[in-house]
Amino acid sequence: MKNEEILKRLRDAKDYVSGQELCEFYGVSRTAIWKAIRQLEKDGYIIEAQNNKGYRLVEKNDMELFSKVEIESRLQTEWIGRKLIFHRETGSTNIDAKELAEKGEASGAVVVADMQTAGRGRRGRGWVSPSGKDIYMTIMLRPQCRPEKASVLTLVMALAVLEAISELLPQSCSIKWPNDIVMSGKKVCGILTEMSAELDGIHYVVIGAGINVNQEVLAEEICKTATSLQIECGKQINRAKLVARVLYHFEKYYSLFEKTWDFSGLVHQYNQFLVNRDREVCVLDPKGAFEGTARGINENGELLVERKSDGKVVQVYAGEVSVRGIYGYV
C-alpha cells in the first residue's frame, strides 16, 4: 500500500470511506491506514475523519496540491512516470533526467518541478520558470532505434501535450512546427529534446516540456508571443492532473512510434493540428532564408514547404532551421 493509492481511493469515493474498508482492501492494519492518513495531512491534504463513517478528502486548490503524491495518485500509465522524481525547486528537469539516465535508471522515468532556476529552451535560450504557476517536466527514454529516428520524439510530446490540454480546456489549441503548442496565436508550451548517442545506438533521450499554466500576467518581453492556459480560459488549471494526462497520452503515442520507429502512425493526426499548414512561412535556414507555403509534415517529422521562388517542395529539418509566419509568430 502506498500513500498515493489511499489518496486516489479517497478522491474517487467522493464521500467517506470507512477505515475497515481500507484495511480489508489493502490487507493492512488500522494503524497502517492511520499512519498513511497522517502523512497525507502532513503533505497538506485536508482529510475529515468521523466515527462510524471513516475518512473523506477535502480538495484544495492546485498550487497546494502540486506534489509527488498528487501526481502519482492521478497516473493512468503502465510504465511512463512509474519512477517519478518531484522537486519543489531545481536547476533544470532535463539535467536531472540526464543524471538519472547516467546512473542507469530505466526508461520511462519522469522528473517534475514546481520551479526551475536554470530552465532552457531551444538553441540555449532561457526559459522563465516561476514557482507555484507552471509545469516543468522531463521524460527519460531509452528507445531501441538508430539516433536519427529519435528526432520525432519531440513531435510525439507535442501531440501528448496538445491532447492533454484539449481535455481540460474548451479553447482550441494547435501546434506550431515542430513542437510549440499555441493558443490564440501565442505559445503556451515549449519542448526541448536532448540525446546521448553513438553512431549506431542511443544511450538515452530526455524530452522536456515547459507549460505556462496558471500565470495571470506574463513578462513584458514575452507577452506578445506567449500566453498561459489561465489567461486563455479565465480559471486555474489543476497542474497535477495535466501532468498525469500528458504522461498518459505520451505513453499511448510512444507505443505507435515504437511499432515503426518513425512518425508514420501519427502524421495525419499531427497535420490536423498544425497551425502552419497551408500558411505562408519564412524558413530561416543558415544556408539562406526563403519563403514558401507549409504543406504539412512527413513520416520523419520534416516540414514540407512549397518554395515560393520555384514551386519546389523541400523538406525542412527542425534541427537546422527555424520557421516563422510571414506576418508574425505563427
C-alpha atoms as a PDB file:
ATOM      1  CA  MET A   1       0.000   0.000   0.000  1.00  0.00           C
ATOM      2  CA  LYS A   2       1.323   3.420  -0.970  1.00  0.00           C
ATOM      3  CA  ASN A   3       0.055   6.826   0.130  1.00  0.00           C
ATOM      4  CA  GLU A   4      -0.914   7.733  -3.453  1.00  0.00           C
ATOM      5  CA  GLU A   5      -3.172   4.650  -3.559  1.00  0.00           C
ATOM      6  CA  ILE A   6      -5.001   5.784  -0.429  1.00  0.00           C
ATOM      7  CA  LEU A   7      -5.275   9.307  -1.871  1.00  0.00           C
ATOM      8  CA  LYS A   8      -6.698   8.031  -5.154  1.00  0.00           C
ATOM      9  CA  ARG A   9      -9.257   5.882  -3.355  1.00  0.00           C
ATOM     10  CA  LEU A  10     -10.389   8.794  -1.186  1.00  0.00           C
ATOM     11  CA  ARG A  11     -10.657  11.081  -4.215  1.00  0.00           C
ATOM     12  CA  ASP A  12     -12.572   8.568  -6.302  1.00  0.00           C
ATOM     13  CA  ALA A  13     -15.025   7.884  -3.456  1.00  0.00           C
ATOM     14  CA  LYS A  14     -16.283  11.497  -3.321  1.00  0.00           C
ATOM     15  CA  ASP A  15     -17.579  10.714   0.191  1.00  0.00           C
ATOM     16  CA  TYR A  16     -16.496   8.953   3.368  1.00  0.00           C
ATOM     17  CA  VAL A  17     -14.566   5.678   3.114  1.00  0.00           C
ATOM     18  CA  SER A  18     -14.553   3.537   6.245  1.00  0.00           C
ATOM     19  CA  GLY A  19     -11.277   2.608   7.858  1.00  0.00           C
ATOM     20  CA  GLN A  20     -12.369  -1.036   7.878  1.00  0.00           C
ATOM     21  CA  GLU A  21     -12.976  -0.933   4.122  1.00  0.00           C
ATOM     22  CA  LEU A  22      -9.477   0.467   3.555  1.00  0.00           C
ATOM     23  CA  CYS A  23      -7.960  -2.174   5.844  1.00  0.00           C
ATOM     24  CA  GLU A  24      -9.685  -5.021   4.012  1.00  0.00           C
ATOM     25  CA  PHE A  25      -8.927  -3.627   0.548  1.00  0.00           C
ATOM     26  CA  TYR A  26      -5.194  -3.203   1.183  1.00  0.00           C
ATOM     27  CA  GLY A  27      -4.806  -6.063   3.653  1.00  0.00           C
ATOM     28  CA  VAL A  28      -3.211  -3.877   6.322  1.00  0.00           C
ATOM     29  CA  SER A  29      -3.960  -2.863   9.900  1.00  0.00           C
ATOM     30  CA  ARG A  30      -5.929   0.159  11.041  1.00  0.00           C
ATOM     31  CA  THR A  31      -2.666   1.570  12.390  1.00  0.00           C
ATOM     32  CA  ALA A  32      -1.125   1.440   8.893  1.00  0.00           C
ATOM     33  CA  ILE A  33      -4.137   3.266   7.459  1.00  0.00           C
ATOM     34  CA  TRP A  34      -3.979   5.855  10.234  1.00  0.00           C
ATOM     35  CA  LYS A  35      -0.270   6.482   9.553  1.00  0.00           C
ATOM     36  CA  ALA A  36      -0.954   6.925   5.823  1.00  0.00           C
ATOM     37  CA  ILE A  37      -3.721   9.420   6.563  1.00  0.00           C
ATOM     38  CA  ARG A  38      -1.453  11.356   8.946  1.00  0.00           C
ATOM     39  CA  GLN A  39       1.279  11.535   6.291  1.00  0.00           C
ATOM     40  CA  LEU A  40      -1.169  12.846   3.701  1.00  0.00           C
ATOM     41  CA  GLU A  41      -2.214  15.531   6.167  1.00  0.00           C
ATOM     42  CA  LYS A  42       1.445  16.466   6.663  1.00  0.00           C
ATOM     43  CA  ASP A  43       1.705  16.782   2.876  1.00  0.00           C
ATOM     44  CA  GLY A  44      -1.022  19.424   3.020  1.00  0.00           C
ATOM     45  CA  TYR A  45      -4.214  17.463   2.391  1.00  0.00           C
ATOM     46  CA  ILE A  46      -7.339  18.088   4.447  1.00  0.00           C
ATOM     47  CA  ILE A  47      -8.929  14.786   5.426  1.00  0.00           C
ATOM     48  CA  GLU A  48     -12.041  14.704   7.577  1.00  0.00           C
ATOM     49  CA  ALA A  49     -12.466  11.771   9.934  1.00  0.00           C
ATOM     50  CA  GLN A  50     -15.772  10.844  11.582  1.00  0.00           C
ATOM     51  CA  ASN A  51     -16.739   7.933  13.775  1.00  0.00           C
ATOM     52  CA  ASN A  52     -18.871   5.319  12.024  1.00  0.00           C
ATOM     53  CA  LYS A  53     -18.208   6.999   8.673  1.00  0.00           C
ATOM     54  CA  GLY A  54     -14.466   6.948   8.067  1.00  0.00           C
ATOM     55  CA  TYR A  55     -12.329   9.356   6.080  1.00  0.00           C
ATOM     56  CA  ARG A  56     -13.210  11.970   3.451  1.00  0.00           C
ATOM     57  CA  LEU A  57     -10.861  14.050   1.315  1.00  0.00           C
ATOM     58  CA  VAL A  58     -11.474  17.790   1.091  1.00  0.00           C
ATOM     59  CA  GLU A  59     -10.000  19.107  -2.184  1.00  0.00           C
ATOM     60  CA  LYS A  60      -7.768  22.178  -2.130  1.00  0.00           C
ATOM     61  CA  ASN A  61      -6.508  24.485  -4.835  1.00  0.00           C
ATOM     62  CA  ASP A  62      -3.959  23.397  -7.453  1.00  0.00           C
ATOM     63  CA  MET A  63      -0.903  25.190  -6.094  1.00  0.00           C
ATOM     64  CA  GLU A  64      -1.240  23.374  -2.774  1.00  0.00           C
ATOM     65  CA  LEU A  65      -1.930  20.031  -4.442  1.00  0.00           C
ATOM     66  CA  PHE A  66       1.046  20.034  -6.825  1.00  0.00           C
ATOM     67  CA  SER A  67       3.255  17.323  -5.341  1.00  0.00           C
ATOM     68  CA  LYS A  68       4.705  13.872  -5.974  1.00  0.00           C
ATOM     69  CA  VAL A  69       1.895  12.011  -4.238  1.00  0.00           C
ATOM     70  CA  GLU A  70      -0.768  14.088  -6.004  1.00  0.00           C
ATOM     71  CA  ILE A  71       0.671  13.374  -9.460  1.00  0.00           C
ATOM     72  CA  GLU A  72       1.190   9.681  -8.719  1.00  0.00           C
ATOM     73  CA  SER A  73      -2.384   9.337  -7.449  1.00  0.00           C
ATOM     74  CA  ARG A  74      -3.617  10.522 -10.858  1.00  0.00           C
ATOM     75  CA  LEU A  75      -1.358   8.397 -13.077  1.00  0.00           C
ATOM     76  CA  GLN A  76      -3.037   6.009 -15.517  1.00  0.00           C
ATOM     77  CA  THR A  77       0.085   4.801 -17.286  1.00  0.00           C
ATOM     78  CA  GLU A  78       1.670   1.366 -17.357  1.00  0.00           C
ATOM     79  CA  TRP A  79       5.330   2.409 -17.262  1.00  0.00           C
ATOM     80  CA  ILE A  80       5.838   6.095 -18.064  1.00  0.00           C
ATOM     81  CA  GLY A  81       6.193   8.025 -14.810  1.00  0.00           C
ATOM     82  CA  ARG A  82       6.143   4.983 -12.543  1.00  0.00           C
ATOM     83  CA  LYS A  83       9.532   6.262 -11.420  1.00  0.00           C
ATOM     84  CA  LEU A  84       8.727   9.887 -10.628  1.00  0.00           C
ATOM     85  CA  ILE A  85      11.036  12.464  -9.074  1.00  0.00           C
ATOM     86  CA  PHE A  86       9.417  15.684  -7.846  1.00  0.00           C
ATOM     87  CA  HIS A  87      11.340  18.826  -6.913  1.00  0.00           C
ATOM     88  CA  ARG A  88       9.889  21.903  -5.307  1.00  0.00           C
ATOM     89  CA  GLU A  89      12.853  23.705  -6.892  1.00  0.00           C
ATOM     90  CA  THR A  90      15.620  22.517  -9.215  1.00  0.00           C
ATOM     91  CA  GLY A  91      18.022  23.854 -11.812  1.00  0.00           C
ATOM     92  CA  SER A  92      16.620  22.020 -14.831  1.00  0.00           C
ATOM     93  CA  THR A  93      14.432  18.917 -15.111  1.00  0.00           C
ATOM     94  CA  ASN A  94      16.296  17.960 -18.304  1.00  0.00           C
ATOM     95  CA  ILE A  95      19.610  17.989 -16.433  1.00  0.00           C
ATOM     96  CA  ASP A  96      18.067  15.984 -13.587  1.00  0.00           C
ATOM     97  CA  ALA A  97      16.704  13.408 -16.058  1.00  0.00           C
ATOM     98  CA  LYS A  98      20.096  13.082 -17.743  1.00  0.00           C
ATOM     99  CA  GLU A  99      21.697  12.428 -14.375  1.00  0.00           C
ATOM    100  CA  LEU A 100      19.146   9.666 -13.719  1.00  0.00           C
ATOM    101  CA  ALA A 101      19.973   8.143 -17.101  1.00  0.00           C
ATOM    102  CA  GLU A 102      23.705   8.249 -16.433  1.00  0.00           C
ATOM    103  CA  LYS A 103      23.105   6.382 -13.165  1.00  0.00           C
ATOM    104  CA  GLY A 104      21.286   3.609 -15.038  1.00  0.00           C
ATOM    105  CA  GLU A 105      17.646   4.466 -14.339  1.00  0.00           C
ATOM    106  CA  ALA A 106      15.163   2.560 -16.501  1.00  0.00           C
ATOM    107  CA  SER A 107      13.338   4.068 -19.460  1.00  0.00           C
ATOM    108  CA  GLY A 108      10.172   5.971 -18.570  1.00  0.00           C
ATOM    109  CA  ALA A 109      11.482   7.854 -15.538  1.00  0.00           C
ATOM    110  CA  VAL A 110       9.984  11.335 -15.157  1.00  0.00           C
ATOM    111  CA  VAL A 111      11.205  14.464 -13.386  1.00  0.00           C
ATOM    112  CA  VAL A 112       8.716  17.215 -12.460  1.00  0.00           C
ATOM    113  CA  ALA A 113       9.463  20.539 -10.783  1.00  0.00           C
ATOM    114  CA  ASP A 114       7.420  23.390  -9.375  1.00  0.00           C
ATOM    115  CA  MET A 115      10.251  25.812 -10.183  1.00  0.00           C
ATOM    116  CA  GLN A 116      13.431  25.857 -12.276  1.00  0.00           C
ATOM    117  CA  THR A 117      16.373  28.164 -11.734  1.00  0.00           C
ATOM    118  CA  ALA A 118      18.230  27.261 -14.933  1.00  0.00           C
ATOM    119  CA  GLY A 119      15.477  26.390 -17.406  1.00  0.00           C
ATOM    120  CA  ARG A 120      16.477  26.313 -21.063  1.00  0.00           C
ATOM    121  CA  GLY A 121      14.620  26.489 -24.337  1.00  0.00           C
ATOM    122  CA  ARG A 122      15.647  25.629 -27.866  1.00  0.00           C
ATOM    123  CA  ARG A 123      19.065  26.863 -29.074  1.00  0.00           C
ATOM    124  CA  GLY A 124      20.148  27.576 -25.499  1.00  0.00           C
ATOM    125  CA  ARG A 125      17.560  30.276 -24.846  1.00  0.00           C
ATOM    126  CA  GLY A 126      16.470  30.852 -21.264  1.00  0.00           C
ATOM    127  CA  TRP A 127      13.049  29.687 -20.081  1.00  0.00           C
ATOM    128  CA  VAL A 128      11.259  31.729 -17.413  1.00  0.00           C
ATOM    129  CA  SER A 129      10.350  29.270 -14.647  1.00  0.00           C
ATOM    130  CA  PRO A 130       8.472  30.840 -11.691  1.00  0.00           C
ATOM    131  CA  SER A 131       7.187  28.768  -8.779  1.00  0.00           C
ATOM    132  CA  GLY A 132       3.578  27.934  -7.996  1.00  0.00           C
ATOM    133  CA  LYS A 133       2.334  28.599 -11.513  1.00  0.00           C
ATOM    134  CA  ASP A 134       3.572  26.323 -14.270  1.00  0.00           C
ATOM    135  CA  ILE A 135       4.691  22.819 -15.210  1.00  0.00           C
ATOM    136  CA  TYR A 136       8.290  21.806 -15.861  1.00  0.00           C
ATOM    137  CA  MET A 137       8.626  18.123 -16.664  1.00  0.00           C
ATOM    138  CA  THR A 138      11.024  15.762 -18.434  1.00  0.00           C
ATOM    139  CA  ILE A 139      10.651  12.163 -19.613  1.00  0.00           C
ATOM    140  CA  MET A 140      13.753   9.972 -19.916  1.00  0.00           C
ATOM    141  CA  LEU A 141      13.659   7.206 -22.542  1.00  0.00           C
ATOM    142  CA  ARG A 142      15.947   4.549 -23.988  1.00  0.00           C
ATOM    143  CA  PRO A 143      14.496   3.909 -27.477  1.00  0.00           C
ATOM    144  CA  GLN A 144      15.959   0.917 -29.324  1.00  0.00           C
ATOM    145  CA  CYS A 145      16.325   2.695 -32.655  1.00  0.00           C
ATOM    146  CA  ARG A 146      19.005   4.498 -34.607  1.00  0.00           C
ATOM    147  CA  PRO A 147      19.762   8.048 -33.374  1.00  0.00           C
ATOM    148  CA  GLU A 148      18.357   9.776 -36.455  1.00  0.00           C
ATOM    149  CA  LYS A 149      14.958   8.188 -35.783  1.00  0.00           C
ATOM    150  CA  ALA A 150      14.617   9.748 -32.323  1.00  0.00           C
ATOM    151  CA  SER A 151      14.177  13.307 -33.587  1.00  0.00           C
ATOM    152  CA  VAL A 152      10.421  12.795 -33.999  1.00  0.00           C
ATOM    153  CA  LEU A 153      10.002  12.197 -30.262  1.00  0.00           C
ATOM    154  CA  THR A 154       9.683  15.938 -29.768  1.00  0.00           C
ATOM    155  CA  LEU A 155       6.625  15.784 -32.042  1.00  0.00           C
ATOM    156  CA  VAL A 156       5.259  12.859 -30.024  1.00  0.00           C
ATOM    157  CA  MET A 157       5.476  15.033 -26.911  1.00  0.00           C
ATOM    158  CA  ALA A 158       3.799  17.930 -28.728  1.00  0.00           C
ATOM    159  CA  LEU A 159       0.813  15.740 -29.578  1.00  0.00           C
ATOM    160  CA  ALA A 160       0.610  14.449 -25.999  1.00  0.00           C
ATOM    161  CA  VAL A 161       0.627  17.964 -24.516  1.00  0.00           C
ATOM    162  CA  LEU A 162      -1.942  19.190 -27.045  1.00  0.00           C
ATOM    163  CA  GLU A 163      -4.344  16.348 -26.321  1.00  0.00           C
ATOM    164  CA  ALA A 164      -3.968  16.716 -22.551  1.00  0.00           C
ATOM    165  CA  ILE A 165      -4.690  20.454 -22.721  1.00  0.00           C
ATOM    166  CA  SER A 166      -7.634  19.857 -25.068  1.00  0.00           C
ATOM    167  CA  GLU A 167      -9.223  17.525 -22.489  1.00  0.00           C
ATOM    168  CA  LEU A 168      -9.152  20.189 -19.781  1.00  0.00           C
ATOM    169  CA  LEU A 169      -9.955  23.358 -21.749  1.00  0.00           C
ATOM    170  CA  PRO A 170     -12.748  24.159 -24.221  1.00  0.00           C
ATOM    171  CA  GLN A 171     -10.485  26.589 -26.078  1.00  0.00           C
ATOM    172  CA  SER A 172      -8.772  25.122 -29.115  1.00  0.00           C
ATOM    173  CA  CYS A 173      -5.009  24.795 -29.345  1.00  0.00           C
ATOM    174  CA  SER A 174      -2.661  23.830 -32.153  1.00  0.00           C
ATOM    175  CA  ILE A 175       0.970  23.031 -32.923  1.00  0.00           C
ATOM    176  CA  LYS A 176       3.482  25.391 -34.468  1.00  0.00           C
ATOM    177  CA  TRP A 177       6.049  23.161 -36.130  1.00  0.00           C
ATOM    178  CA  PRO A 178       7.908  21.410 -34.771  1.00  0.00           C
ATOM    179  CA  ASN A 179       6.764  21.432 -31.140  1.00  0.00           C
ATOM    180  CA  ASP A 180       5.350  24.703 -29.817  1.00  0.00           C
ATOM    181  CA  ILE A 181       1.789  24.460 -28.513  1.00  0.00           C
ATOM    182  CA  VAL A 182      -0.125  27.642 -29.322  1.00  0.00           C
ATOM    183  CA  MET A 183      -3.437  29.168 -28.303  1.00  0.00           C
ATOM    184  CA  SER A 184      -4.844  32.360 -29.814  1.00  0.00           C
ATOM    185  CA  GLY A 185      -1.678  32.555 -31.911  1.00  0.00           C
ATOM    186  CA  LYS A 186       0.595  32.584 -28.850  1.00  0.00           C
ATOM    187  CA  LYS A 187       2.878  29.973 -27.285  1.00  0.00           C
ATOM    188  CA  VAL A 188       1.783  28.110 -24.145  1.00  0.00           C
ATOM    189  CA  CYS A 189       4.300  25.269 -24.233  1.00  0.00           C
ATOM    190  CA  GLY A 190       7.859  24.735 -25.398  1.00  0.00           C
ATOM    191  CA  ILE A 191       9.592  21.364 -25.744  1.00  0.00           C
ATOM    192  CA  LEU A 192      13.312  20.599 -25.638  1.00  0.00           C
ATOM    193  CA  THR A 193      14.653  17.161 -26.619  1.00  0.00           C
ATOM    194  CA  GLU A 194      18.246  16.143 -25.943  1.00  0.00           C
ATOM    195  CA  MET A 195      20.035  12.883 -26.679  1.00  0.00           C
ATOM    196  CA  SER A 196      23.142  10.922 -25.713  1.00  0.00           C
ATOM    197  CA  ALA A 197      24.087   8.525 -28.502  1.00  0.00           C
ATOM    198  CA  GLU A 198      26.761   6.949 -30.645  1.00  0.00           C
ATOM    199  CA  LEU A 199      26.633   6.399 -34.408  1.00  0.00           C
ATOM    200  CA  ASP A 200      24.738   3.119 -34.171  1.00  0.00           C
ATOM    201  CA  GLY A 201      22.783   3.424 -30.930  1.00  0.00           C
ATOM    202  CA  ILE A 202      21.101   5.635 -28.354  1.00  0.00           C
ATOM    203  CA  HIS A 203      22.120   5.738 -24.704  1.00  0.00           C
ATOM    204  CA  TYR A 204      19.110   7.838 -23.729  1.00  0.00           C
ATOM    205  CA  VAL A 205      16.798  10.661 -24.785  1.00  0.00           C
ATOM    206  CA  VAL A 206      15.298  13.299 -22.483  1.00  0.00           C
ATOM    207  CA  ILE A 207      12.222  15.258 -23.561  1.00  0.00           C
ATOM    208  CA  GLY A 208      11.416  18.323 -21.500  1.00  0.00           C
ATOM    209  CA  ALA A 209       8.225  20.363 -21.625  1.00  0.00           C
ATOM    210  CA  GLY A 210       7.556  23.746 -20.050  1.00  0.00           C
ATOM    211  CA  ILE A 211       3.856  24.624 -19.932  1.00  0.00           C
ATOM    212  CA  ASN A 212       2.556  28.090 -18.994  1.00  0.00           C
ATOM    213  CA  VAL A 213      -0.381  27.117 -16.809  1.00  0.00           C
ATOM    214  CA  ASN A 214      -1.561  29.495 -14.083  1.00  0.00           C
ATOM    215  CA  GLN A 215       0.284  32.732 -14.776  1.00  0.00           C
ATOM    216  CA  GLU A 216      -2.165  35.651 -14.724  1.00  0.00           C
ATOM    217  CA  VAL A 217       0.290  38.094 -16.331  1.00  0.00           C
ATOM    218  CA  LEU A 218       3.362  37.321 -18.421  1.00  0.00           C
ATOM    219  CA  ALA A 219       6.607  39.271 -18.521  1.00  0.00           C
ATOM    220  CA  GLU A 220       6.550  42.216 -20.921  1.00  0.00           C
ATOM    221  CA  GLU A 221       9.328  40.774 -23.090  1.00  0.00           C
ATOM    222  CA  ILE A 222       7.316  37.636 -23.922  1.00  0.00           C
ATOM    223  CA  CYS A 223       3.656  38.659 -23.660  1.00  0.00           C
ATOM    224  CA  LYS A 224       3.375  39.439 -27.384  1.00  0.00           C
ATOM    225  CA  THR A 225       4.248  35.879 -28.376  1.00  0.00           C
ATOM    226  CA  ALA A 226       3.328  33.852 -25.270  1.00  0.00           C
ATOM    227  CA  THR A 227       0.232  33.206 -23.176  1.00  0.00           C
ATOM    228  CA  SER A 228      -0.908  30.859 -20.406  1.00  0.00           C
ATOM    229  CA  LEU A 229      -3.777  28.427 -20.005  1.00  0.00           C
ATOM    230  CA  GLN A 230      -5.309  30.573 -17.266  1.00  0.00           C
ATOM    231  CA  ILE A 231      -5.160  33.702 -19.400  1.00  0.00           C
ATOM    232  CA  GLU A 232      -6.918  31.843 -22.210  1.00  0.00           C
ATOM    233  CA  CYS A 233      -9.643  30.121 -20.181  1.00  0.00           C
ATOM    234  CA  GLY A 234     -10.021  32.519 -17.242  1.00  0.00           C
ATOM    235  CA  LYS A 235      -9.576  29.925 -14.484  1.00  0.00           C
ATOM    236  CA  GLN A 236      -6.881  27.968 -12.666  1.00  0.00           C
ATOM    237  CA  ILE A 237      -5.902  24.583 -14.053  1.00  0.00           C
ATOM    238  CA  ASN A 238      -5.018  21.587 -11.896  1.00  0.00           C
ATOM    239  CA  ARG A 239      -1.346  21.071 -12.734  1.00  0.00           C
ATOM    240  CA  ALA A 240      -1.045  17.571 -11.293  1.00  0.00           C
ATOM    241  CA  LYS A 241      -3.963  16.379 -13.392  1.00  0.00           C
ATOM    242  CA  LEU A 242      -2.442  17.953 -16.507  1.00  0.00           C
ATOM    243  CA  VAL A 243       0.936  16.276 -15.891  1.00  0.00           C
ATOM    244  CA  ALA A 244      -0.777  12.897 -15.477  1.00  0.00           C
ATOM    245  CA  ARG A 245      -2.742  13.319 -18.704  1.00  0.00           C
ATOM    246  CA  VAL A 246       0.360  14.372 -20.660  1.00  0.00           C
ATOM    247  CA  LEU A 247       2.116  11.204 -19.496  1.00  0.00           C
ATOM    248  CA  TYR A 248      -0.924   9.084 -20.378  1.00  0.00           C
ATOM    249  CA  HIS A 249      -1.100  10.395 -23.926  1.00  0.00           C
ATOM    250  CA  PHE A 250       2.666  10.283 -24.383  1.00  0.00           C
ATOM    251  CA  GLU A 251       2.737   6.581 -23.480  1.00  0.00           C
ATOM    252  CA  LYS A 252      -0.069   5.938 -25.950  1.00  0.00           C
ATOM    253  CA  TYR A 253       1.665   7.761 -28.810  1.00  0.00           C
ATOM    254  CA  TYR A 254       5.099   6.370 -27.960  1.00  0.00           C
ATOM    255  CA  SER A 255       3.745   2.840 -28.447  1.00  0.00           C
ATOM    256  CA  LEU A 256       2.806   3.812 -32.016  1.00  0.00           C
ATOM    257  CA  PHE A 257       6.270   5.271 -32.581  1.00  0.00           C
ATOM    258  CA  GLU A 258       7.852   2.010 -31.365  1.00  0.00           C
ATOM    259  CA  LYS A 259       5.995  -0.035 -33.985  1.00  0.00           C
ATOM    260  CA  THR A 260       7.755   1.660 -36.908  1.00  0.00           C
ATOM    261  CA  TRP A 261      10.445   3.845 -35.305  1.00  0.00           C
ATOM    262  CA  ASP A 262       9.106   6.798 -37.265  1.00  0.00           C
ATOM    263  CA  PHE A 263       6.150   9.205 -37.211  1.00  0.00           C
ATOM    264  CA  SER A 264       4.100   7.459 -39.921  1.00  0.00           C
ATOM    265  CA  GLY A 265       1.364   6.357 -37.497  1.00  0.00           C
ATOM    266  CA  LEU A 266       0.849   9.914 -36.252  1.00  0.00           C
ATOM    267  CA  VAL A 267       1.394  12.105 -39.327  1.00  0.00           C
ATOM    268  CA  HIS A 268      -2.297  12.524 -40.136  1.00  0.00           C
ATOM    269  CA  GLN A 269      -3.258  13.451 -36.581  1.00  0.00           C
ATOM    270  CA  TYR A 270      -0.346  15.879 -36.250  1.00  0.00           C
ATOM    271  CA  ASN A 271      -1.164  17.618 -39.534  1.00  0.00           C
ATOM    272  CA  GLN A 272      -4.747  18.181 -38.357  1.00  0.00           C
ATOM    273  CA  PHE A 273      -3.422  20.403 -35.574  1.00  0.00           C
ATOM    274  CA  LEU A 274      -0.545  22.036 -37.476  1.00  0.00           C
ATOM    275  CA  VAL A 275      -1.167  25.789 -37.395  1.00  0.00           C
ATOM    276  CA  ASN A 276       1.463  26.361 -40.130  1.00  0.00           C
ATOM    277  CA  ARG A 277      -0.291  24.104 -42.635  1.00  0.00           C
ATOM    278  CA  ASP A 278      -1.202  25.877 -45.888  1.00  0.00           C
ATOM    279  CA  ARG A 279       0.147  29.148 -44.486  1.00  0.00           C
ATOM    280  CA  GLU A 280       2.937  31.307 -45.810  1.00  0.00           C
ATOM    281  CA  VAL A 281       6.128  30.846 -43.790  1.00  0.00           C
ATOM    282  CA  CYS A 282       9.666  32.125 -43.734  1.00  0.00           C
ATOM    283  CA  VAL A 283      12.296  29.418 -43.343  1.00  0.00           C
ATOM    284  CA  LEU A 284      15.326  30.800 -41.509  1.00  0.00           C
ATOM    285  CA  ASP A 285      17.943  28.425 -42.900  1.00  0.00           C
ATOM    286  CA  PRO A 286      21.629  29.178 -42.157  1.00  0.00           C
ATOM    287  CA  LYS A 287      22.299  28.356 -45.817  1.00  0.00           C
ATOM    288  CA  GLY A 288      19.866  31.049 -46.883  1.00  0.00           C
ATOM    289  CA  ALA A 289      16.383  32.091 -45.792  1.00  0.00           C
ATOM    290  CA  PHE A 290      13.451  31.562 -48.129  1.00  0.00           C
ATOM    291  CA  GLU A 291       9.679  31.961 -48.176  1.00  0.00           C
ATOM    292  CA  GLY A 292       7.038  29.439 -49.113  1.00  0.00           C
ATOM    293  CA  THR A 293       3.838  27.677 -48.083  1.00  0.00           C
ATOM    294  CA  ALA A 294       3.862  24.926 -45.468  1.00  0.00           C
ATOM    295  CA  ARG A 295       2.122  21.745 -46.657  1.00  0.00           C
ATOM    296  CA  GLY A 296       2.349  19.553 -43.551  1.00  0.00           C
ATOM    297  CA  ILE A 297       4.948  17.088 -42.310  1.00  0.00           C
ATOM    298  CA  ASN A 298       6.228  13.705 -43.472  1.00  0.00           C
ATOM    299  CA  GLU A 299       6.913  10.473 -41.550  1.00  0.00           C
ATOM    300  CA  ASN A 300      10.321  11.798 -40.481  1.00  0.00           C
ATOM    301  CA  GLY A 301       8.767  14.873 -38.858  1.00  0.00           C
ATOM    302  CA  GLU A 302      10.188  17.204 -41.512  1.00  0.00           C
ATOM    303  CA  LEU A 303       8.099  20.181 -42.604  1.00  0.00           C
ATOM    304  CA  LEU A 304       7.206  20.160 -46.295  1.00  0.00           C
ATOM    305  CA  VAL A 305       7.466  23.670 -47.677  1.00  0.00           C
ATOM    306  CA  GLU A 306       6.472  24.654 -51.205  1.00  0.00           C
ATOM    307  CA  ARG A 307       9.138  27.183 -52.053  1.00  0.00           C
ATOM    308  CA  LYS A 308       7.786  30.477 -53.369  1.00  0.00           C
ATOM    309  CA  SER A 309      10.648  31.078 -55.809  1.00  0.00           C
ATOM    310  CA  ASP A 310      10.266  27.913 -57.892  1.00  0.00           C
ATOM    311  CA  GLY A 311       7.302  25.906 -56.538  1.00  0.00           C
ATOM    312  CA  LYS A 312       9.540  23.027 -55.450  1.00  0.00           C
ATOM    313  CA  VAL A 313       8.536  21.196 -52.263  1.00  0.00           C
ATOM    314  CA  VAL A 314      11.520  20.973 -49.918  1.00  0.00           C
ATOM    315  CA  GLN A 315      11.927  19.042 -46.665  1.00  0.00           C
ATOM    316  CA  VAL A 316      12.849  21.232 -43.721  1.00  0.00           C
ATOM    317  CA  TYR A 317      14.584  19.577 -40.753  1.00  0.00           C
ATOM    318  CA  ALA A 318      13.843  21.104 -37.335  1.00  0.00           C
ATOM    319  CA  GLY A 319      17.391  20.804 -36.047  1.00  0.00           C
ATOM    320  CA  GLU A 320      18.740  23.056 -38.775  1.00  0.00           C
ATOM    321  CA  VAL A 321      16.247  25.888 -39.136  1.00  0.00           C
ATOM    322  CA  SER A 322      13.512  27.990 -37.571  1.00  0.00           C
ATOM    323  CA  VAL A 323      10.176  28.722 -39.193  1.00  0.00           C
ATOM    324  CA  ARG A 324       8.169  31.894 -38.687  1.00  0.00           C
ATOM    325  CA  GLY A 325       4.886  33.102 -40.118  1.00  0.00           C
ATOM    326  CA  ILE A 326       5.271  35.831 -42.728  1.00  0.00           C
ATOM    327  CA  TYR A 327       3.180  38.215 -40.621  1.00  0.00           C
ATOM    328  CA  GLY A 328       4.062  37.128 -37.088  1.00  0.00           C
ATOM    329  CA  TYR A 329       4.938  34.307 -34.715  1.00  0.00           C
ATOM    330  CA  VAL A 330       2.721  31.727 -36.425  1.00  0.00           C
END
